[in-house]
Amino acid sequence: MNDECALAQDDAPSPEPRGCLFALSQPPLMLFLAVIGLLLLLGAVHDLYIL
């Protein structure tokens, strides 16, 4: 076994655990959710005030 590979794997820091809200902190997801929310809001306003 190559000792350099073993040292590289042992010295590698473990990935930090991410919380459940990590995905919500991503800008593309928040933009997508904002667009969906806006469409729902426009549909509700249309149903309440225009129809």
C-alpha atoms as a PDB file:
ATOM      1  CA  MET A   1       0.000   0.000   0.000  1.00  0.00           C
ATOM      2  CA  ASN A   2       1.200   3.486  -0.785  1.00  0.00           C
ATOM      3  CA  ASP A   3       1.869   5.481   2.406  1.00  0.00           C
ATOM      4  CA  GLU A   4       1.165   8.844   0.754  1.00  0.00           C
ATOM      5  CA  CYS A   5      -2.391   7.813  -0.093  1.00  0.00           C
ATOM      6  CA  ALA A   6      -2.999   6.600   3.447  1.00  0.00           C
ATOM      7  CA  LEU A   7      -1.734   9.866   4.942  1.00  0.00           C
ATOM      8  CA  ALA A   8      -3.776  11.952   2.549  1.00  0.00           C
ATOM      9  CA  GLN A   9      -6.952  10.128   3.534  1.00  0.00           C
ATOM     10  CA  ASP A  10      -6.197  10.309   7.260  1.00  0.00           C
ATOM     11  CA  ASP A  11      -5.335  14.018   7.201  1.00  0.00           C
ATOM     12  CA  ALA A  12      -8.378  15.015   5.158  1.00  0.00           C
ATOM     13  CA  PRO A  13     -10.844  16.955   7.328  1.00  0.00           C
ATOM     14  CA  SER A  14     -14.229  15.376   7.693  1.00  0.00           C
ATOM     15  CA  PRO A  15     -17.018  17.275   5.920  1.00  0.00           C
ATOM     16  CA  GLU A  16     -18.987  19.529   8.220  1.00  0.00           C
ATOM     17  CA  PRO A  17     -22.514  18.366   8.955  1.00  0.00           C
ATOM     18  CA  ARG A  18     -25.080  20.571   7.302  1.00  0.00           C
ATOM     19  CA  GLY A  19     -28.389  21.445   8.874  1.00  0.00           C
ATOM     20  CA  CYS A  20     -31.804  20.878   7.360  1.00  0.00           C
ATOM     21  CA  LEU A  21     -32.040  24.534   6.316  1.00  0.00           C
ATOM     22  CA  PHE A  22     -28.829  24.434   4.257  1.00  0.00           C
ATOM     23  CA  ALA A  23     -30.776  23.997   0.997  1.00  0.00           C
ATOM     24  CA  LEU A  24     -32.928  27.042   1.745  1.00  0.00           C
ATOM     25  CA  SER A  25     -29.828  29.206   1.990  1.00  0.00           C
ATOM     26  CA  GLN A  26     -29.030  28.603  -1.676  1.00  0.00           C
ATOM     27  CA  PRO A  27     -29.992  31.572  -3.912  1.00  0.00           C
ATOM     28  CA  PRO A  28     -31.335  29.554  -6.908  1.00  0.00           C
ATOM     29  CA  LEU A  29     -33.747  27.626  -4.695  1.00  0.00           C
ATOM     30  CA  MET A  30     -34.943  30.781  -2.965  1.00  0.00           C
ATOM     31  CA  LEU A  31     -35.519  32.481  -6.339  1.00  0.00           C
ATOM     32  CA  PHE A  32     -37.496  29.468  -7.541  1.00  0.00           C
ATOM     33  CA  LEU A  33     -39.607  29.414  -4.369  1.00  0.00           C
ATOM     34  CA  ALA A  34     -40.177  33.173  -4.639  1.00  0.00           C
ATOM     35  CA  VAL A  35     -41.451  32.801  -8.221  1.00  0.00           C
ATOM     36  CA  ILE A  36     -43.774  29.953  -7.210  1.00  0.00           C
ATOM     37  CA  GLY A  37     -45.045  31.997  -4.256  1.00  0.00           C
ATOM     38  CA  LEU A  38     -45.639  35.001  -6.515  1.00  0.00           C
ATOM     39  CA  LEU A  39     -47.625  32.874  -8.952  1.00  0.00           C
ATOM     40  CA  LEU A  40     -49.748  31.517  -6.103  1.00  0.00           C
ATOM     41  CA  LEU A  41     -50.308  35.042  -4.805  1.00  0.00           C
ATOM     42  CA  LEU A  42     -51.310  36.320  -8.252  1.00  0.00           C
ATOM     43  CA  GLY A  43     -53.713  33.406  -8.660  1.00  0.00           C
ATOM     44  CA  ALA A  44     -55.290  34.118  -5.268  1.00  0.00           C
ATOM     45  CA  VAL A  45     -55.648  37.847  -6.000  1.00  0.00           C
ATOM     46  CA  HIS A  46     -57.146  37.056  -9.389  1.00  0.00           C
ATOM     47  CA  ASP A  47     -59.684  34.667  -7.832  1.00  0.00           C
ATOM     48  CA  LEU A  48     -60.631  37.059  -5.040  1.00  0.00           C
ATOM     49  CA  TYR A  49     -60.836  40.370  -6.836  1.00  0.00           C
ATOM     50  CA  ILE A  50     -61.214  39.814 -10.566  1.00  0.00           C
ATOM     51  CA  LEU A  51     -63.483  36.756 -10.839  1.00  0.00           C
END
